[in-house]
């Protein structure tokens, strides 16, 4: 990460990322591992028109949003508490997007990572 973004750049990034997530969720896809490593930018790092979400290896096709998923797939501090508790739906991606937004605006992690590496 290169530090914090100006608010105008962070806003452009988040609009594009949330638009892509909306498309995924409308198509019944839950990413489940959204983090900065899975956000690809084009050659100009401040132009978010080419922003892409990648890393769908943990994704789940999930049409019924009333049925909660129980498989734990993401142990990082980007994971929603519901994922860690094992009862979640597509809203877990929105939590992860919020963590990314915080990082873009502050250049800091919102929580300490207590996982031994």
PDB file of N, CA and C in Angstrom:
ATOM      1  N   UNK A   1       0.849  -1.183   0.000  1.00  0.00           N
ATOM      2  CA  UNK A   1       0.000   0.000   0.000  1.00  0.00           C
ATOM      3  C   UNK A   1       0.885   1.234   0.000  1.00  0.00           C
ATOM      4  N   UNK A   2       0.442   2.245  -0.646  1.00  0.00           N
ATOM      5  CA  UNK A   2       1.267   3.439  -0.800  1.00  0.00           C
ATOM      6  C   UNK A   2       0.924   4.540   0.183  1.00  0.00           C
ATOM      7  N   UNK A   3       0.266   4.250   1.285  1.00  0.00           N
ATOM      8  CA  UNK A   3      -0.193   5.270   2.211  1.00  0.00           C
ATOM      9  C   UNK A   3      -1.653   5.554   1.954  1.00  0.00           C
ATOM     10  N   UNK A   4      -2.104   6.722   2.383  1.00  0.00           N
ATOM     11  CA  UNK A   4      -3.530   7.006   2.220  1.00  0.00           C
ATOM     12  C   UNK A   4      -3.816   7.727   0.919  1.00  0.00           C
ATOM     13  N   UNK A   5      -5.024   7.546   0.435  1.00  0.00           N
ATOM     14  CA  UNK A   5      -5.473   8.196  -0.786  1.00  0.00           C
ATOM     15  C   UNK A   5      -6.179   9.493  -0.436  1.00  0.00           C
ATOM     16  N   UNK A   6      -6.198  10.428  -1.359  1.00  0.00           N
ATOM     17  CA  UNK A   6      -7.056  11.590  -1.199  1.00  0.00           C
ATOM     18  C   UNK A   6      -8.497  11.098  -1.225  1.00  0.00           C
ATOM     19  N   UNK A   7      -9.371  11.818  -0.542  1.00  0.00           N
ATOM     20  CA  UNK A   7     -10.767  11.387  -0.460  1.00  0.00           C
ATOM     21  C   UNK A   7     -11.405  11.227  -1.838  1.00  0.00           C
ATOM     22  N   UNK A   8     -11.085  12.112  -2.761  1.00  0.00           N
ATOM     23  CA  UNK A   8     -11.678  12.031  -4.106  1.00  0.00           C
ATOM     24  C   UNK A   8     -11.256  10.748  -4.821  1.00  0.00           C
ATOM     25  N   UNK A   9     -10.004  10.327  -4.660  1.00  0.00           N
ATOM     26  CA  UNK A   9      -9.537   9.080  -5.273  1.00  0.00           C
ATOM     27  C   UNK A   9     -10.138   7.860  -4.580  1.00  0.00           C
ATOM     28  N   UNK A  10     -10.204   7.903  -3.249  1.00  0.00           N
ATOM     29  CA  UNK A  10     -10.804   6.790  -2.509  1.00  0.00           C
ATOM     30  C   UNK A  10     -12.268   6.630  -2.907  1.00  0.00           C
ATOM     31  N   UNK A  11     -12.969   7.737  -3.082  1.00  0.00           N
ATOM     32  CA  UNK A  11     -14.381   7.693  -3.492  1.00  0.00           C
ATOM     33  C   UNK A  11     -14.525   7.040  -4.857  1.00  0.00           C
ATOM     34  N   UNK A  12     -13.679   7.420  -5.808  1.00  0.00           N
ATOM     35  CA  UNK A  12     -13.742   6.813  -7.148  1.00  0.00           C
ATOM     36  C   UNK A  12     -13.478   5.310  -7.083  1.00  0.00           C
ATOM     37  N   UNK A  13     -12.505   4.925  -6.290  1.00  0.00           N
ATOM     38  CA  UNK A  13     -12.168   3.508  -6.134  1.00  0.00           C
ATOM     39  C   UNK A  13     -13.337   2.748  -5.531  1.00  0.00           C
ATOM     40  N   UNK A  14     -13.930   3.287  -4.476  1.00  0.00           N
ATOM     41  CA  UNK A  14     -15.026   2.597  -3.796  1.00  0.00           C
ATOM     42  C   UNK A  14     -16.275   2.515  -4.669  1.00  0.00           C
ATOM     43  N   UNK A  15     -16.559   3.554  -5.431  1.00  0.00           N
ATOM     44  CA  UNK A  15     -17.718   3.511  -6.329  1.00  0.00           C
ATOM     45  C   UNK A  15     -17.550   2.381  -7.331  1.00  0.00           C
ATOM     46  N   UNK A  16     -16.375   2.277  -7.911  1.00  0.00           N
ATOM     47  CA  UNK A  16     -16.112   1.226  -8.896  1.00  0.00           C
ATOM     48  C   UNK A  16     -16.150  -0.160  -8.236  1.00  0.00           C
ATOM     49  N   UNK A  17     -15.539  -0.286  -7.062  1.00  0.00           N
ATOM     50  CA  UNK A  17     -15.511  -1.576  -6.374  1.00  0.00           C
ATOM     51  C   UNK A  17     -16.917  -2.001  -5.953  1.00  0.00           C
ATOM     52  N   UNK A  18     -17.704  -1.080  -5.404  1.00  0.00           N
ATOM     53  CA  UNK A  18     -19.056  -1.430  -4.978  1.00  0.00           C
ATOM     54  C   UNK A  18     -19.962  -1.726  -6.168  1.00  0.00           C
ATOM     55  N   UNK A  19     -19.715  -1.073  -7.282  1.00  0.00           N
ATOM     56  CA  UNK A  19     -20.463  -1.383  -8.501  1.00  0.00           C
ATOM     57  C   UNK A  19     -20.159  -2.809  -8.959  1.00  0.00           C
ATOM     58  N   UNK A  20     -18.888  -3.192  -8.921  1.00  0.00           N
ATOM     59  CA  UNK A  20     -18.495  -4.548  -9.305  1.00  0.00           C
ATOM     60  C   UNK A  20     -19.083  -5.570  -8.330  1.00  0.00           C
ATOM     61  N   UNK A  21     -19.073  -5.264  -7.028  1.00  0.00           N
ATOM     62  CA  UNK A  21     -19.659  -6.168  -6.042  1.00  0.00           C
ATOM     63  C   UNK A  21     -21.166  -6.306  -6.250  1.00  0.00           C
ATOM     64  N   UNK A  22     -21.814  -5.205  -6.580  1.00  0.00           N
ATOM     65  CA  UNK A  22     -23.251  -5.243  -6.846  1.00  0.00           C
ATOM     66  C   UNK A  22     -23.548  -6.183  -8.008  1.00  0.00           C
ATOM     67  N   UNK A  23     -22.736  -6.101  -9.045  1.00  0.00           N
ATOM     68  CA  UNK A  23     -22.908  -6.995 -10.201  1.00  0.00           C
ATOM     69  C   UNK A  23     -22.733  -8.456  -9.771  1.00  0.00           C
ATOM     70  N   UNK A  24     -21.702  -8.719  -8.975  1.00  0.00           N
ATOM     71  CA  UNK A  24     -21.474 -10.077  -8.489  1.00  0.00           C
ATOM     72  C   UNK A  24     -22.665 -10.573  -7.679  1.00  0.00           C
ATOM     73  N   UNK A  25     -23.117  -9.749  -6.733  1.00  0.00           N
ATOM     74  CA  UNK A  25     -24.207 -10.164  -5.851  1.00  0.00           C
ATOM     75  C   UNK A  25     -25.514 -10.342  -6.619  1.00  0.00           C
ATOM     76  N   UNK A  26     -25.769  -9.493  -7.603  1.00  0.00           N
ATOM     77  CA  UNK A  26     -26.957  -9.641  -8.443  1.00  0.00           C
ATOM     78  C   UNK A  26     -26.897 -10.953  -9.220  1.00  0.00           C
ATOM     79  N   UNK A  27     -25.690 -11.374  -9.560  1.00  0.00           N
ATOM     80  CA  UNK A  27     -25.496 -12.633 -10.283  1.00  0.00           C
ATOM     81  C   UNK A  27     -25.418 -13.837  -9.344  1.00  0.00           C
ATOM     82  N   UNK A  28     -25.572 -13.607  -8.027  1.00  0.00           N
ATOM     83  CA  UNK A  28     -25.550 -14.685  -7.056  1.00  0.00           C
ATOM     84  C   UNK A  28     -24.169 -15.127  -6.636  1.00  0.00           C
ATOM     85  N   UNK A  29     -23.154 -14.295  -6.845  1.00  0.00           N
ATOM     86  CA  UNK A  29     -21.772 -14.632  -6.499  1.00  0.00           C
ATOM     87  C   UNK A  29     -21.354 -13.860  -5.247  1.00  0.00           C
ATOM     88  N   UNK A  30     -20.853 -14.588  -4.259  1.00  0.00           N
ATOM     89  CA  UNK A  30     -20.261 -13.981  -3.063  1.00  0.00           C
ATOM     90  C   UNK A  30     -18.756 -14.194  -3.161  1.00  0.00           C
ATOM     91  N   UNK A  31     -17.983 -13.128  -3.107  1.00  0.00           N
ATOM     92  CA  UNK A  31     -16.531 -13.231  -3.262  1.00  0.00           C
ATOM     93  C   UNK A  31     -15.893 -13.950  -2.078  1.00  0.00           C
ATOM     94  N   UNK A  32     -16.187 -13.526  -0.884  1.00  0.00           N
ATOM     95  CA  UNK A  32     -15.747 -14.120   0.382  1.00  0.00           C
ATOM     96  C   UNK A  32     -14.282 -13.918   0.733  1.00  0.00           C
ATOM     97  N   UNK A  33     -13.498 -13.276  -0.124  1.00  0.00           N
ATOM     98  CA  UNK A  33     -12.082 -13.044   0.196  1.00  0.00           C
ATOM     99  C   UNK A  33     -11.645 -11.691  -0.369  1.00  0.00           C
ATOM    100  N   UNK A  34     -12.492 -10.696  -0.207  1.00  0.00           N
ATOM    101  CA  UNK A  34     -12.188  -9.376  -0.751  1.00  0.00           C
ATOM    102  C   UNK A  34     -11.146  -8.695   0.124  1.00  0.00           C
ATOM    103  N   UNK A  35     -10.029  -8.318  -0.480  1.00  0.00           N
ATOM    104  CA  UNK A  35      -8.955  -7.618   0.204  1.00  0.00           C
ATOM    105  C   UNK A  35      -8.147  -6.869  -0.855  1.00  0.00           C
ATOM    106  N   UNK A  36      -7.253  -5.968  -0.458  1.00  0.00           N
ATOM    107  CA  UNK A  36      -6.516  -5.179  -1.449  1.00  0.00           C
ATOM    108  C   UNK A  36      -5.739  -6.010  -2.470  1.00  0.00           C
ATOM    109  N   UNK A  37      -5.304  -7.210  -2.102  1.00  0.00           N
ATOM    110  CA  UNK A  37      -4.576  -8.059  -3.048  1.00  0.00           C
ATOM    111  C   UNK A  37      -5.480  -8.546  -4.176  1.00  0.00           C
ATOM    112  N   UNK A  38      -6.782  -8.516  -3.958  1.00  0.00           N
ATOM    113  CA  UNK A  38      -7.728  -8.966  -4.972  1.00  0.00           C
ATOM    114  C   UNK A  38      -8.395  -7.812  -5.711  1.00  0.00           C
ATOM    115  N   UNK A  39      -7.798  -6.646  -5.640  1.00  0.00           N
ATOM    116  CA  UNK A  39      -8.253  -5.472  -6.393  1.00  0.00           C
ATOM    117  C   UNK A  39      -7.139  -5.100  -7.364  1.00  0.00           C
ATOM    118  N   UNK A  40      -7.429  -5.200  -8.640  1.00  0.00           N
ATOM    119  CA  UNK A  40      -6.431  -4.895  -9.668  1.00  0.00           C
ATOM    120  C   UNK A  40      -6.761  -3.547 -10.307  1.00  0.00           C
ATOM    121  N   UNK A  41      -5.736  -2.736 -10.487  1.00  0.00           N
ATOM    122  CA  UNK A  41      -5.893  -1.439 -11.132  1.00  0.00           C
ATOM    123  C   UNK A  41      -5.228  -1.466 -12.493  1.00  0.00           C
ATOM    124  N   UNK A  42      -5.611  -0.525 -13.337  1.00  0.00           N
ATOM    125  CA  UNK A  42      -4.988  -0.410 -14.646  1.00  0.00           C
ATOM    126  C   UNK A  42      -3.600   0.189 -14.532  1.00  0.00           C
ATOM    127  N   UNK A  43      -2.973   0.504 -15.667  1.00  0.00           N
ATOM    128  CA  UNK A  43      -1.611   1.036 -15.659  1.00  0.00           C
ATOM    129  C   UNK A  43      -1.481   2.368 -14.913  1.00  0.00           C
ATOM    130  N   UNK A  44      -2.515   3.194 -14.988  1.00  0.00           N
ATOM    131  CA  UNK A  44      -2.503   4.452 -14.229  1.00  0.00           C
ATOM    132  C   UNK A  44      -3.202   4.197 -12.906  1.00  0.00           C
ATOM    133  N   UNK A  45      -2.442   4.156 -11.826  1.00  0.00           N
ATOM    134  CA  UNK A  45      -2.966   3.763 -10.515  1.00  0.00           C
ATOM    135  C   UNK A  45      -4.014   4.718  -9.953  1.00  0.00           C
ATOM    136  N   UNK A  46      -4.176   5.894 -10.517  1.00  0.00           N
ATOM    137  CA  UNK A  46      -5.189   6.825 -10.022  1.00  0.00           C
ATOM    138  C   UNK A  46      -6.436   6.834 -10.900  1.00  0.00           C
ATOM    139  N   UNK A  47      -6.431   6.055 -11.988  1.00  0.00           N
ATOM    140  CA  UNK A  47      -7.595   5.950 -12.854  1.00  0.00           C
ATOM    141  C   UNK A  47      -8.271   4.617 -12.548  1.00  0.00           C
ATOM    142  N   UNK A  48      -9.415   4.677 -11.875  1.00  0.00           N
ATOM    143  CA  UNK A  48     -10.070   3.464 -11.417  1.00  0.00           C
ATOM    144  C   UNK A  48     -11.060   2.910 -12.427  1.00  0.00           C
ATOM    145  N   UNK A  49     -11.061   3.445 -13.651  1.00  0.00           N
ATOM    146  CA  UNK A  49     -11.962   2.925 -14.683  1.00  0.00           C
ATOM    147  C   UNK A  49     -11.648   1.477 -15.009  1.00  0.00           C
ATOM    148  N   UNK A  50     -10.419   1.049 -14.850  1.00  0.00           N
ATOM    149  CA  UNK A  50     -10.025  -0.320 -15.175  1.00  0.00           C
ATOM    150  C   UNK A  50      -9.940  -1.208 -13.934  1.00  0.00           C
ATOM    151  N   UNK A  51     -10.485  -0.754 -12.794  1.00  0.00           N
ATOM    152  CA  UNK A  51     -10.459  -1.536 -11.574  1.00  0.00           C
ATOM    153  C   UNK A  51     -11.195  -2.858 -11.780  1.00  0.00           C
ATOM    154  N   UNK A  52     -10.584  -3.930 -11.330  1.00  0.00           N
ATOM    155  CA  UNK A  52     -11.181  -5.257 -11.448  1.00  0.00           C
ATOM    156  C   UNK A  52     -11.033  -5.993 -10.125  1.00  0.00           C
ATOM    157  N   UNK A  53     -12.055  -6.737  -9.778  1.00  0.00           N
ATOM    158  CA  UNK A  53     -11.980  -7.629  -8.623  1.00  0.00           C
ATOM    159  C   UNK A  53     -11.545  -8.989  -9.144  1.00  0.00           C
ATOM    160  N   UNK A  54     -10.506  -9.552  -8.542  1.00  0.00           N
ATOM    161  CA  UNK A  54      -9.972 -10.855  -8.948  1.00  0.00           C
ATOM    162  C   UNK A  54      -9.951 -11.781  -7.728  1.00  0.00           C
ATOM    163  N   UNK A  55      -9.404 -12.963  -7.894  1.00  0.00           N
ATOM    164  CA  UNK A  55      -9.240 -13.880  -6.772  1.00  0.00           C
ATOM    165  C   UNK A  55     -10.544 -14.529  -6.354  1.00  0.00           C
ATOM    166  N   UNK A  56     -11.264 -15.108  -7.297  1.00  0.00           N
ATOM    167  CA  UNK A  56     -12.559 -15.713  -7.006  1.00  0.00           C
ATOM    168  C   UNK A  56     -12.441 -17.185  -6.598  1.00  0.00           C
ATOM    169  N   UNK A  57     -11.258 -17.610  -6.167  1.00  0.00           N
ATOM    170  CA  UNK A  57     -11.070 -19.003  -5.772  1.00  0.00           C
ATOM    171  C   UNK A  57     -11.914 -19.414  -4.581  1.00  0.00           C
ATOM    172  N   UNK A  58     -12.260 -18.474  -3.713  1.00  0.00           N
ATOM    173  CA  UNK A  58     -13.089 -18.774  -2.542  1.00  0.00           C
ATOM    174  C   UNK A  58     -14.550 -18.394  -2.759  1.00  0.00           C
ATOM    175  N   UNK A  59     -14.869 -17.908  -3.952  1.00  0.00           N
ATOM    176  CA  UNK A  59     -16.226 -17.423  -4.226  1.00  0.00           C
ATOM    177  C   UNK A  59     -17.241 -18.555  -4.150  1.00  0.00           C
ATOM    178  N   UNK A  60     -18.464 -18.168  -3.890  1.00  0.00           N
ATOM    179  CA  UNK A  60     -19.562 -19.131  -3.771  1.00  0.00           C
ATOM    180  C   UNK A  60     -20.744 -18.620  -4.585  1.00  0.00           C
ATOM    181  N   UNK A  61     -21.326 -19.505  -5.384  1.00  0.00           N
ATOM    182  CA  UNK A  61     -22.566 -19.169  -6.084  1.00  0.00           C
ATOM    183  C   UNK A  61     -23.686 -19.379  -5.088  1.00  0.00           C
ATOM    184  N   UNK A  62     -24.434 -18.313  -4.804  1.00  0.00           N
ATOM    185  CA  UNK A  62     -25.395 -18.342  -3.702  1.00  0.00           C
ATOM    186  C   UNK A  62     -26.605 -17.496  -4.084  1.00  0.00           C
ATOM    187  N   UNK A  63     -27.609 -18.107  -4.662  1.00  0.00           N
ATOM    188  CA  UNK A  63     -28.799 -17.378  -5.114  1.00  0.00           C
ATOM    189  C   UNK A  63     -29.759 -17.057  -3.983  1.00  0.00           C
ATOM    190  N   UNK A  64     -29.826 -17.885  -2.962  1.00  0.00           N
ATOM    191  CA  UNK A  64     -30.794 -17.714  -1.883  1.00  0.00           C
ATOM    192  C   UNK A  64     -30.160 -16.940  -0.733  1.00  0.00           C
ATOM    193  N   UNK A  65     -30.401 -15.628  -0.672  1.00  0.00           N
ATOM    194  CA  UNK A  65     -29.759 -14.807   0.357  1.00  0.00           C
ATOM    195  C   UNK A  65     -30.351 -15.050   1.743  1.00  0.00           C
ATOM    196  N   UNK A  66     -31.487 -15.784   1.841  1.00  0.00           N
ATOM    197  CA  UNK A  66     -32.051 -16.113   3.145  1.00  0.00           C
ATOM    198  C   UNK A  66     -31.286 -17.257   3.819  1.00  0.00           C
ATOM    199  N   UNK A  67     -30.660 -18.108   3.008  1.00  0.00           N
ATOM    200  CA  UNK A  67     -29.886 -19.228   3.551  1.00  0.00           C
ATOM    201  C   UNK A  67     -28.475 -18.734   3.870  1.00  0.00           C
ATOM    202  N   UNK A  68     -28.061 -18.925   5.095  1.00  0.00           N
ATOM    203  CA  UNK A  68     -26.737 -18.471   5.510  1.00  0.00           C
ATOM    204  C   UNK A  68     -25.686 -19.521   5.172  1.00  0.00           C
ATOM    205  N   UNK A  69     -24.501 -19.038   4.775  1.00  0.00           N
ATOM    206  CA  UNK A  69     -23.361 -19.913   4.537  1.00  0.00           C
ATOM    207  C   UNK A  69     -22.656 -20.168   5.860  1.00  0.00           C
ATOM    208  N   UNK A  70     -21.986 -21.296   5.967  1.00  0.00           N
ATOM    209  CA  UNK A  70     -21.318 -21.641   7.224  1.00  0.00           C
ATOM    210  C   UNK A  70     -19.836 -21.940   7.063  1.00  0.00           C
ATOM    211  N   UNK A  71     -19.354 -22.109   5.842  1.00  0.00           N
ATOM    212  CA  UNK A  71     -17.950 -22.452   5.612  1.00  0.00           C
ATOM    213  C   UNK A  71     -17.045 -21.248   5.881  1.00  0.00           C
ATOM    214  N   UNK A  72     -16.049 -21.427   6.757  1.00  0.00           N
ATOM    215  CA  UNK A  72     -15.082 -20.358   7.006  1.00  0.00           C
ATOM    216  C   UNK A  72     -14.012 -20.407   5.926  1.00  0.00           C
ATOM    217  N   UNK A  73     -13.810 -19.287   5.236  1.00  0.00           N
ATOM    218  CA  UNK A  73     -12.824 -19.261   4.161  1.00  0.00           C
ATOM    219  C   UNK A  73     -11.782 -18.177   4.345  1.00  0.00           C
ATOM    220  N   UNK A  74     -12.083 -17.151   5.090  1.00  0.00           N
ATOM    221  CA  UNK A  74     -11.197 -15.993   5.193  1.00  0.00           C
ATOM    222  C   UNK A  74     -10.885 -15.746   6.661  1.00  0.00           C
ATOM    223  N   UNK A  75      -9.623 -15.896   7.042  1.00  0.00           N
ATOM    224  CA  UNK A  75      -9.238 -15.710   8.428  1.00  0.00           C
ATOM    225  C   UNK A  75      -8.566 -14.360   8.655  1.00  0.00           C
ATOM    226  N   UNK A  76      -8.577 -13.494   7.661  1.00  0.00           N
ATOM    227  CA  UNK A  76      -7.875 -12.220   7.782  1.00  0.00           C
ATOM    228  C   UNK A  76      -8.741 -11.177   8.468  1.00  0.00           C
ATOM    229  N   UNK A  77      -8.157 -10.029   8.736  1.00  0.00           N
ATOM    230  CA  UNK A  77      -8.906  -8.951   9.368  1.00  0.00           C
ATOM    231  C   UNK A  77      -9.828  -8.238   8.385  1.00  0.00           C
ATOM    232  N   UNK A  78      -9.921  -8.709   7.145  1.00  0.00           N
ATOM    233  CA  UNK A  78     -10.895  -8.195   6.179  1.00  0.00           C
ATOM    234  C   UNK A  78     -12.221  -8.935   6.297  1.00  0.00           C
ATOM    235  N   UNK A  79     -12.219 -10.055   6.999  1.00  0.00           N
ATOM    236  CA  UNK A  79     -13.410 -10.891   7.107  1.00  0.00           C
ATOM    237  C   UNK A  79     -14.410 -10.294   8.088  1.00  0.00           C
ATOM    238  N   UNK A  80     -15.679 -10.375   7.717  1.00  0.00           N
ATOM    239  CA  UNK A  80     -16.757  -9.911   8.585  1.00  0.00           C
ATOM    240  C   UNK A  80     -16.870 -10.822   9.803  1.00  0.00           C
ATOM    241  N   UNK A  81     -17.324 -10.290  10.932  1.00  0.00           N
ATOM    242  CA  UNK A  81     -17.512 -11.135  12.117  1.00  0.00           C
ATOM    243  C   UNK A  81     -18.424 -12.333  11.848  1.00  0.00           C
ATOM    244  N   UNK A  82     -19.410 -12.154  10.968  1.00  0.00           N
ATOM    245  CA  UNK A  82     -20.315 -13.250  10.635  1.00  0.00           C
ATOM    246  C   UNK A  82     -19.578 -14.412   9.973  1.00  0.00           C
ATOM    247  N   UNK A  83     -18.565 -14.101   9.162  1.00  0.00           N
ATOM    248  CA  UNK A  83     -17.770 -15.157   8.524  1.00  0.00           C
ATOM    249  C   UNK A  83     -17.005 -15.924   9.589  1.00  0.00           C
ATOM    250  N   UNK A  84     -16.411 -15.208  10.520  1.00  0.00           N
ATOM    251  CA  UNK A  84     -15.649 -15.850  11.583  1.00  0.00           C
ATOM    252  C   UNK A  84     -16.549 -16.684  12.490  1.00  0.00           C
ATOM    253  N   UNK A  85     -17.822 -16.266  12.629  1.00  0.00           N
ATOM    254  CA  UNK A  85     -18.786 -17.027  13.429  1.00  0.00           C
ATOM    255  C   UNK A  85     -19.436 -18.154  12.632  1.00  0.00           C
ATOM    256  N   UNK A  86     -19.241 -18.154  11.308  1.00  0.00           N
ATOM    257  CA  UNK A  86     -19.745 -19.233  10.476  1.00  0.00           C
ATOM    258  C   UNK A  86     -21.200 -19.137  10.071  1.00  0.00           C
ATOM    259  N   UNK A  87     -21.799 -17.924  10.074  1.00  0.00           N
ATOM    260  CA  UNK A  87     -23.189 -17.729   9.624  1.00  0.00           C
ATOM    261  C   UNK A  87     -23.253 -16.399   8.872  1.00  0.00           C
ATOM    262  N   UNK A  88     -23.159 -16.447   7.542  1.00  0.00           N
ATOM    263  CA  UNK A  88     -23.056 -15.216   6.775  1.00  0.00           C
ATOM    264  C   UNK A  88     -23.730 -15.353   5.407  1.00  0.00           C
ATOM    265  N   UNK A  89     -23.858 -14.204   4.734  1.00  0.00           N
ATOM    266  CA  UNK A  89     -24.381 -14.169   3.368  1.00  0.00           C
ATOM    267  C   UNK A  89     -23.541 -13.168   2.575  1.00  0.00           C
ATOM    268  N   UNK A  90     -24.081 -12.637   1.483  1.00  0.00           N
ATOM    269  CA  UNK A  90     -23.307 -11.750   0.621  1.00  0.00           C
ATOM    270  C   UNK A  90     -22.889 -10.443   1.297  1.00  0.00           C
ATOM    271  N   UNK A  91     -23.495 -10.091   2.389  1.00  0.00           N
ATOM    272  CA  UNK A  91     -23.134  -8.850   3.081  1.00  0.00           C
ATOM    273  C   UNK A  91     -21.714  -8.892   3.652  1.00  0.00           C
ATOM    274  N   UNK A  92     -21.134 -10.091   3.733  1.00  0.00           N
ATOM    275  CA  UNK A  92     -19.756 -10.194   4.213  1.00  0.00           C
ATOM    276  C   UNK A  92     -18.806  -9.443   3.286  1.00  0.00           C
ATOM    277  N   UNK A  93     -19.130  -9.383   1.992  1.00  0.00           N
ATOM    278  CA  UNK A  93     -18.290  -8.638   1.047  1.00  0.00           C
ATOM    279  C   UNK A  93     -18.364  -7.133   1.305  1.00  0.00           C
ATOM    280  N   UNK A  94     -19.514  -6.664   1.764  1.00  0.00           N
ATOM    281  CA  UNK A  94     -19.665  -5.233   2.055  1.00  0.00           C
ATOM    282  C   UNK A  94     -18.807  -4.851   3.261  1.00  0.00           C
ATOM    283  N   UNK A  95     -18.749  -5.711   4.266  1.00  0.00           N
ATOM    284  CA  UNK A  95     -17.861  -5.472   5.412  1.00  0.00           C
ATOM    285  C   UNK A  95     -16.420  -5.321   4.924  1.00  0.00           C
ATOM    286  N   UNK A  96     -15.988  -6.275   4.093  1.00  0.00           N
ATOM    287  CA  UNK A  96     -14.618  -6.244   3.578  1.00  0.00           C
ATOM    288  C   UNK A  96     -14.356  -4.968   2.788  1.00  0.00           C
ATOM    289  N   UNK A  97     -15.337  -4.529   2.003  1.00  0.00           N
ATOM    290  CA  UNK A  97     -15.199  -3.275   1.251  1.00  0.00           C
ATOM    291  C   UNK A  97     -15.059  -2.091   2.209  1.00  0.00           C
ATOM    292  N   UNK A  98     -15.770  -2.128   3.321  1.00  0.00           N
ATOM    293  CA  UNK A  98     -15.645  -1.063   4.329  1.00  0.00           C
ATOM    294  C   UNK A  98     -14.255  -1.014   4.933  1.00  0.00           C
ATOM    295  N   UNK A  99     -13.672  -2.170   5.185  1.00  0.00           N
ATOM    296  CA  UNK A  99     -12.300  -2.230   5.713  1.00  0.00           C
ATOM    297  C   UNK A  99     -11.333  -1.643   4.681  1.00  0.00           C
ATOM    298  N   UNK A 100     -11.526  -2.001   3.417  1.00  0.00           N
ATOM    299  CA  UNK A 100     -10.669  -1.459   2.351  1.00  0.00           C
ATOM    300  C   UNK A 100     -10.831   0.050   2.264  1.00  0.00           C
ATOM    301  N   UNK A 101     -12.058   0.547   2.390  1.00  0.00           N
ATOM    302  CA  UNK A 101     -12.308   1.987   2.362  1.00  0.00           C
ATOM    303  C   UNK A 101     -11.551   2.690   3.487  1.00  0.00           C
ATOM    304  N   UNK A 102     -11.590   2.112   4.674  1.00  0.00           N
ATOM    305  CA  UNK A 102     -10.868   2.675   5.818  1.00  0.00           C
ATOM    306  C   UNK A 102      -9.375   2.757   5.522  1.00  0.00           C
ATOM    307  N   UNK A 103      -8.836   1.685   4.950  1.00  0.00           N
ATOM    308  CA  UNK A 103      -7.411   1.647   4.636  1.00  0.00           C
ATOM    309  C   UNK A 103      -7.065   2.702   3.591  1.00  0.00           C
ATOM    310  N   UNK A 104      -7.916   2.845   2.569  1.00  0.00           N
ATOM    311  CA  UNK A 104      -7.665   3.852   1.533  1.00  0.00           C
ATOM    312  C   UNK A 104      -7.619   5.256   2.123  1.00  0.00           C
ATOM    313  N   UNK A 105      -8.521   5.543   3.053  1.00  0.00           N
ATOM    314  CA  UNK A 105      -8.626   6.893   3.611  1.00  0.00           C
ATOM    315  C   UNK A 105      -7.592   7.208   4.679  1.00  0.00           C
ATOM    316  N   UNK A 106      -7.149   6.194   5.409  1.00  0.00           N
ATOM    317  CA  UNK A 106      -6.237   6.457   6.525  1.00  0.00           C
ATOM    318  C   UNK A 106      -4.823   5.922   6.301  1.00  0.00           C
ATOM    319  N   UNK A 107      -4.687   4.918   5.432  1.00  0.00           N
ATOM    320  CA  UNK A 107      -3.392   4.267   5.254  1.00  0.00           C
ATOM    321  C   UNK A 107      -3.064   3.304   6.383  1.00  0.00           C
ATOM    322  N   UNK A 108      -4.036   3.039   7.258  1.00  0.00           N
ATOM    323  CA  UNK A 108      -3.846   2.170   8.417  1.00  0.00           C
ATOM    324  C   UNK A 108      -4.850   1.022   8.396  1.00  0.00           C
ATOM    325  N   UNK A 109      -4.534  -0.036   9.103  1.00  0.00           N
ATOM    326  CA  UNK A 109      -5.491  -1.122   9.295  1.00  0.00           C
ATOM    327  C   UNK A 109      -6.450  -0.739  10.414  1.00  0.00           C
ATOM    328  N   UNK A 110      -7.742  -1.036  10.281  1.00  0.00           N
ATOM    329  CA  UNK A 110      -8.700  -0.636  11.314  1.00  0.00           C
ATOM    330  C   UNK A 110      -8.628  -1.493  12.571  1.00  0.00           C
ATOM    331  N   UNK A 111      -8.087  -2.707  12.456  1.00  0.00           N
ATOM    332  CA  UNK A 111      -8.002  -3.622  13.594  1.00  0.00           C
ATOM    333  C   UNK A 111      -6.599  -4.204  13.615  1.00  0.00           C
ATOM    334  N   UNK A 112      -6.187  -4.645  14.779  1.00  0.00           N
ATOM    335  CA  UNK A 112      -4.919  -5.355  14.865  1.00  0.00           C
ATOM    336  C   UNK A 112      -5.123  -6.775  14.396  1.00  0.00           C
ATOM    337  N   UNK A 113      -4.126  -7.306  13.725  1.00  0.00           N
ATOM    338  CA  UNK A 113      -4.157  -8.689  13.271  1.00  0.00           C
ATOM    339  C   UNK A 113      -3.537  -9.552  14.353  1.00  0.00           C
ATOM    340  N   UNK A 114      -4.378 -10.364  15.014  1.00  0.00           N
ATOM    341  CA  UNK A 114      -3.894 -11.191  16.115  1.00  0.00           C
ATOM    342  C   UNK A 114      -3.595 -12.618  15.695  1.00  0.00           C
ATOM    343  N   UNK A 115      -3.580 -12.871  14.403  1.00  0.00           N
ATOM    344  CA  UNK A 115      -3.309 -14.212  13.904  1.00  0.00           C
ATOM    345  C   UNK A 115      -1.804 -14.396  13.821  1.00  0.00           C
ATOM    346  N   UNK A 116      -1.280 -15.447  14.439  1.00  0.00           N
ATOM    347  CA  UNK A 116       0.150 -15.731  14.349  1.00  0.00           C
ATOM    348  C   UNK A 116       0.488 -16.138  12.920  1.00  0.00           C
ATOM    349  N   UNK A 117       1.535 -15.552  12.378  1.00  0.00           N
ATOM    350  CA  UNK A 117       1.924 -15.841  10.997  1.00  0.00           C
ATOM    351  C   UNK A 117       3.245 -16.544  10.967  1.00  0.00           C
TER     352      UNK A 117
END
